[in-house]
Amino acid sequence: MIYEQIRAGRPDVAHQGRRCYVTAAALERYAALLESEALIERRIIPGLGRRRLRGLTADDVDVWLAHEAKTASSSTLSKLMSILRRSIDRQMARDRVKRKVILLC
């Protein structure tokens, strides 16, 4: 029904549909942000400590991943590695880290 009204040229319905889509997309991004924050607070910081990325070694990451693999699912491990990889990439772009430690694991 909405598609017929959009095709008929009713701009109020088209605008409402776009607004609904944008709102849903924003909520999905917000949910992903909350999930990432929870993983950082509950798994990454307690597991790796509050050390700087520059001081992080491949051995540290290996030990941490082995510990997390005991309790976390493979999708959670993938998300954790993605978060850590993006953090390192951002720091490399600012010349604060010289190498990607996560890729050495």
N, C-alpha and C. Protein backbone atom coordinates (compact mmCIF):
# COMPACT_ATOMS: atom_id res chain seq x y z
N MET A 1 0.81 -1.19 0.00
CA MET A 1 0.00 0.00 0.00
C MET A 1 0.86 1.26 0.00
N ILE A 2 1.91 1.26 0.82
CA ILE A 2 2.79 2.43 0.86
C ILE A 2 3.48 2.62 -0.48
N TYR A 3 3.89 1.52 -1.11
CA TYR A 3 4.58 1.63 -2.39
C TYR A 3 3.67 2.23 -3.47
N GLU A 4 2.39 1.88 -3.44
CA GLU A 4 1.46 2.46 -4.40
C GLU A 4 1.30 3.95 -4.17
N GLN A 5 1.26 4.36 -2.91
CA GLN A 5 1.12 5.78 -2.61
C GLN A 5 2.37 6.55 -3.02
N ILE A 6 3.55 5.92 -2.85
CA ILE A 6 4.79 6.57 -3.27
C ILE A 6 4.80 6.72 -4.79
N ARG A 7 4.40 5.66 -5.49
CA ARG A 7 4.36 5.71 -6.96
C ARG A 7 3.33 6.73 -7.45
N ALA A 8 2.27 6.91 -6.68
CA ALA A 8 1.23 7.87 -7.06
C ALA A 8 1.69 9.30 -6.85
N GLY A 9 2.84 9.47 -6.25
CA GLY A 9 3.38 10.81 -6.10
C GLY A 9 2.99 11.51 -4.81
N ARG A 10 2.66 10.76 -3.80
CA ARG A 10 2.32 11.40 -2.52
C ARG A 10 3.62 11.62 -1.75
N PRO A 11 4.13 12.84 -1.72
CA PRO A 11 5.42 13.09 -1.08
C PRO A 11 5.41 12.89 0.44
N ASP A 12 4.27 13.07 1.07
CA ASP A 12 4.23 12.90 2.53
C ASP A 12 4.50 11.45 2.91
N VAL A 13 4.01 10.51 2.12
CA VAL A 13 4.25 9.10 2.39
C VAL A 13 5.71 8.75 2.09
N ALA A 14 6.24 9.28 0.99
CA ALA A 14 7.64 9.03 0.65
C ALA A 14 8.56 9.59 1.73
N HIS A 15 8.25 10.78 2.20
CA HIS A 15 9.06 11.39 3.26
C HIS A 15 8.98 10.56 4.54
N GLN A 16 7.80 10.09 4.86
CA GLN A 16 7.63 9.26 6.05
C GLN A 16 8.41 7.96 5.93
N GLY A 17 8.42 7.37 4.75
CA GLY A 17 9.18 6.14 4.53
C GLY A 17 10.67 6.36 4.67
N ARG A 18 11.18 7.46 4.12
CA ARG A 18 12.61 7.78 4.26
C ARG A 18 12.98 8.03 5.72
N ARG A 19 12.12 8.76 6.40
CA ARG A 19 12.38 9.06 7.81
C ARG A 19 12.41 7.77 8.63
N CYS A 20 11.50 6.85 8.34
CA CYS A 20 11.47 5.58 9.05
C CYS A 20 12.74 4.78 8.78
N TYR A 21 13.19 4.78 7.52
CA TYR A 21 14.42 4.06 7.16
C TYR A 21 15.63 4.66 7.86
N VAL A 22 15.73 5.98 7.86
CA VAL A 22 16.86 6.65 8.49
C VAL A 22 16.86 6.39 9.99
N THR A 23 15.68 6.42 10.60
CA THR A 23 15.58 6.15 12.04
C THR A 23 16.01 4.72 12.36
N ALA A 24 15.58 3.77 11.55
CA ALA A 24 15.96 2.37 11.78
C ALA A 24 17.46 2.18 11.62
N ALA A 25 18.05 2.83 10.61
CA ALA A 25 19.49 2.72 10.40
C ALA A 25 20.26 3.33 11.56
N ALA A 26 19.79 4.45 12.06
CA ALA A 26 20.45 5.10 13.20
C ALA A 26 20.37 4.22 14.44
N LEU A 27 19.23 3.58 14.65
CA LEU A 27 19.09 2.69 15.81
C LEU A 27 20.01 1.48 15.69
N GLU A 28 20.18 0.96 14.48
CA GLU A 28 21.11 -0.16 14.29
C GLU A 28 22.53 0.25 14.60
N ARG A 29 22.94 1.43 14.14
CA ARG A 29 24.30 1.92 14.42
C ARG A 29 24.49 2.15 15.92
N TYR A 30 23.46 2.67 16.58
CA TYR A 30 23.54 2.92 18.02
C TYR A 30 23.65 1.59 18.78
N ALA A 31 22.91 0.59 18.35
CA ALA A 31 22.98 -0.73 19.00
C ALA A 31 24.36 -1.34 18.82
N ALA A 32 24.94 -1.18 17.63
CA ALA A 32 26.30 -1.70 17.38
C ALA A 32 27.31 -0.96 18.25
N LEU A 33 27.12 0.34 18.42
CA LEU A 33 28.02 1.12 19.27
C LEU A 33 27.94 0.65 20.71
N LEU A 34 26.74 0.42 21.20
CA LEU A 34 26.57 -0.06 22.58
C LEU A 34 27.20 -1.43 22.76
N GLU A 35 27.06 -2.29 21.75
CA GLU A 35 27.66 -3.62 21.83
C GLU A 35 29.19 -3.52 21.87
N SER A 36 29.75 -2.65 21.05
CA SER A 36 31.21 -2.47 21.05
C SER A 36 31.70 -1.93 22.39
N GLU A 37 30.98 -0.96 22.93
CA GLU A 37 31.37 -0.41 24.23
C GLU A 37 31.32 -1.48 25.31
N ALA A 38 30.32 -2.33 25.26
CA ALA A 38 30.21 -3.39 26.27
C ALA A 38 31.36 -4.38 26.13
N LEU A 39 31.72 -4.74 24.91
CA LEU A 39 32.85 -5.66 24.72
C LEU A 39 34.16 -5.04 25.19
N ILE A 40 34.33 -3.75 24.95
CA ILE A 40 35.55 -3.08 25.40
C ILE A 40 35.62 -3.07 26.91
N GLU A 41 34.52 -2.69 27.55
CA GLU A 41 34.51 -2.57 29.01
C GLU A 41 34.57 -3.92 29.71
N ARG A 42 33.94 -4.94 29.14
CA ARG A 42 33.84 -6.24 29.83
C ARG A 42 34.94 -7.23 29.46
N ARG A 43 35.54 -7.06 28.29
CA ARG A 43 36.50 -8.08 27.84
C ARG A 43 37.88 -7.54 27.50
N ILE A 44 37.94 -6.45 26.75
CA ILE A 44 39.25 -5.97 26.30
C ILE A 44 40.02 -5.31 27.42
N ILE A 45 39.43 -4.37 28.11
CA ILE A 45 40.15 -3.67 29.18
C ILE A 45 40.52 -4.62 30.32
N PRO A 46 39.60 -5.45 30.82
CA PRO A 46 40.02 -6.37 31.88
C PRO A 46 41.05 -7.39 31.41
N GLY A 47 40.97 -7.81 30.15
CA GLY A 47 41.87 -8.84 29.65
C GLY A 47 43.26 -8.33 29.32
N LEU A 48 43.33 -7.17 28.71
CA LEU A 48 44.63 -6.63 28.32
C LEU A 48 45.16 -5.59 29.29
N GLY A 49 44.35 -5.24 30.25
CA GLY A 49 44.78 -4.23 31.20
C GLY A 49 44.68 -2.84 30.58
N ARG A 50 45.10 -1.88 31.28
CA ARG A 50 45.01 -0.50 30.79
C ARG A 50 46.34 -0.05 30.19
N ARG A 51 47.06 -0.98 29.58
CA ARG A 51 48.34 -0.60 28.98
C ARG A 51 48.11 0.09 27.65
N ARG A 52 49.06 0.83 27.22
CA ARG A 52 48.97 1.54 25.95
C ARG A 52 49.14 0.57 24.79
N LEU A 53 48.57 0.92 23.66
CA LEU A 53 48.69 0.07 22.48
C LEU A 53 50.14 -0.04 22.03
N ARG A 54 50.92 1.02 22.25
CA ARG A 54 52.33 1.00 21.85
C ARG A 54 53.10 -0.08 22.62
N GLY A 55 52.72 -0.34 23.86
CA GLY A 55 53.41 -1.33 24.67
C GLY A 55 52.85 -2.74 24.54
N LEU A 56 51.84 -2.91 23.71
CA LEU A 56 51.20 -4.21 23.54
C LEU A 56 52.04 -5.09 22.63
N THR A 57 52.27 -6.33 23.05
CA THR A 57 53.06 -7.27 22.25
C THR A 57 52.16 -8.37 21.70
N ALA A 58 52.68 -9.07 20.70
CA ALA A 58 51.93 -10.18 20.12
C ALA A 58 51.68 -11.27 21.15
N ASP A 59 52.64 -11.48 22.06
CA ASP A 59 52.46 -12.49 23.11
C ASP A 59 51.31 -12.11 24.04
N ASP A 60 51.21 -10.82 24.38
CA ASP A 60 50.10 -10.37 25.22
C ASP A 60 48.76 -10.67 24.56
N VAL A 61 48.67 -10.39 23.29
CA VAL A 61 47.42 -10.61 22.56
C VAL A 61 47.13 -12.11 22.44
N ASP A 62 48.16 -12.91 22.20
CA ASP A 62 47.97 -14.37 22.11
C ASP A 62 47.42 -14.94 23.41
N VAL A 63 47.99 -14.54 24.52
CA VAL A 63 47.54 -15.03 25.83
C VAL A 63 46.10 -14.58 26.08
N TRP A 64 45.82 -13.34 25.76
CA TRP A 64 44.47 -12.80 25.96
C TRP A 64 43.46 -13.54 25.09
N LEU A 65 43.78 -13.76 23.82
CA LEU A 65 42.86 -14.46 22.93
C LEU A 65 42.64 -15.91 23.37
N ALA A 66 43.68 -16.57 23.83
CA ALA A 66 43.53 -17.94 24.32
C ALA A 66 42.60 -17.99 25.53
N HIS A 67 42.72 -17.00 26.41
CA HIS A 67 41.86 -16.93 27.58
C HIS A 67 40.41 -16.64 27.17
N GLU A 68 40.23 -15.71 26.24
CA GLU A 68 38.88 -15.37 25.79
C GLU A 68 38.23 -16.51 25.02
N ALA A 69 39.03 -17.31 24.32
CA ALA A 69 38.50 -18.41 23.52
C ALA A 69 37.84 -19.48 24.39
N LYS A 70 38.19 -19.52 25.68
CA LYS A 70 37.60 -20.52 26.58
C LYS A 70 36.13 -20.21 26.86
N THR A 71 35.77 -18.93 26.87
CA THR A 71 34.41 -18.55 27.27
C THR A 71 33.61 -17.87 26.16
N ALA A 72 34.27 -17.31 25.17
CA ALA A 72 33.57 -16.52 24.15
C ALA A 72 33.28 -17.36 22.91
N SER A 73 32.23 -16.98 22.23
CA SER A 73 31.90 -17.65 20.96
C SER A 73 32.82 -17.13 19.86
N SER A 74 32.80 -17.81 18.73
CA SER A 74 33.67 -17.39 17.64
C SER A 74 33.26 -16.02 17.10
N SER A 75 31.98 -15.70 17.11
CA SER A 75 31.55 -14.38 16.64
C SER A 75 32.01 -13.28 17.60
N THR A 76 31.98 -13.57 18.89
CA THR A 76 32.47 -12.60 19.86
C THR A 76 33.97 -12.38 19.71
N LEU A 77 34.71 -13.47 19.50
CA LEU A 77 36.15 -13.33 19.28
C LEU A 77 36.43 -12.51 18.03
N SER A 78 35.65 -12.72 17.00
CA SER A 78 35.81 -11.96 15.77
C SER A 78 35.55 -10.47 16.01
N LYS A 79 34.52 -10.16 16.79
CA LYS A 79 34.21 -8.76 17.11
C LYS A 79 35.32 -8.14 17.96
N LEU A 80 35.84 -8.90 18.92
CA LEU A 80 36.93 -8.39 19.76
C LEU A 80 38.16 -8.06 18.92
N MET A 81 38.51 -8.97 18.01
CA MET A 81 39.68 -8.73 17.16
C MET A 81 39.43 -7.54 16.23
N SER A 82 38.22 -7.40 15.76
CA SER A 82 37.89 -6.27 14.90
C SER A 82 38.02 -4.95 15.64
N ILE A 83 37.54 -4.90 16.87
CA ILE A 83 37.65 -3.68 17.67
C ILE A 83 39.11 -3.35 17.92
N LEU A 84 39.89 -4.35 18.30
CA LEU A 84 41.31 -4.12 18.57
C LEU A 84 42.05 -3.71 17.29
N ARG A 85 41.72 -4.34 16.17
CA ARG A 85 42.36 -4.01 14.89
C ARG A 85 42.04 -2.57 14.49
N ARG A 86 40.79 -2.15 14.63
CA ARG A 86 40.42 -0.77 14.29
C ARG A 86 41.11 0.23 15.21
N SER A 87 41.24 -0.11 16.48
CA SER A 87 41.94 0.78 17.41
C SER A 87 43.40 0.96 17.01
N ILE A 88 44.03 -0.14 16.65
CA ILE A 88 45.44 -0.08 16.23
C ILE A 88 45.57 0.68 14.91
N ASP A 89 44.64 0.46 13.97
CA ASP A 89 44.68 1.18 12.70
C ASP A 89 44.58 2.69 12.91
N ARG A 90 43.70 3.11 13.80
CA ARG A 90 43.56 4.55 14.08
C ARG A 90 44.83 5.12 14.68
N GLN A 91 45.46 4.37 15.56
CA GLN A 91 46.69 4.86 16.18
C GLN A 91 47.85 4.85 15.18
N MET A 92 47.85 3.88 14.26
CA MET A 92 48.90 3.87 13.22
C MET A 92 48.75 5.07 12.30
N ALA A 93 47.53 5.48 12.02
CA ALA A 93 47.30 6.64 11.17
C ALA A 93 47.84 7.92 11.81
N ARG A 94 47.96 7.92 13.11
CA ARG A 94 48.48 9.08 13.84
C ARG A 94 49.94 8.90 14.27
N ASP A 95 50.59 7.86 13.74
CA ASP A 95 51.99 7.54 14.04
C ASP A 95 52.26 7.31 15.53
N ARG A 96 51.29 6.75 16.21
CA ARG A 96 51.47 6.44 17.63
C ARG A 96 51.83 4.98 17.85
N VAL A 97 51.55 4.14 16.86
CA VAL A 97 51.88 2.72 16.90
C VAL A 97 52.61 2.41 15.60
N LYS A 98 53.65 1.57 15.68
CA LYS A 98 54.47 1.30 14.50
C LYS A 98 54.05 0.05 13.74
N ARG A 99 53.39 -0.90 14.38
CA ARG A 99 53.01 -2.14 13.69
C ARG A 99 51.69 -2.66 14.22
N LYS A 100 51.07 -3.50 13.42
CA LYS A 100 49.78 -4.09 13.80
C LYS A 100 50.05 -5.37 14.57
N VAL A 101 50.01 -5.29 15.85
CA VAL A 101 50.28 -6.44 16.72
C VAL A 101 49.23 -7.52 16.52
N ILE A 102 47.99 -7.13 16.26
CA ILE A 102 46.92 -8.11 16.13
C ILE A 102 47.13 -9.01 14.93
N LEU A 103 47.81 -8.54 13.90
CA LEU A 103 48.06 -9.36 12.71
C LEU A 103 49.17 -10.38 12.93
N LEU A 104 49.95 -10.20 13.96
CA LEU A 104 51.03 -11.14 14.25
C LEU A 104 50.53 -12.37 15.01
N CYS A 105 49.29 -12.32 15.45
CA CYS A 105 48.73 -13.41 16.25
C CYS A 105 48.12 -14.48 15.37
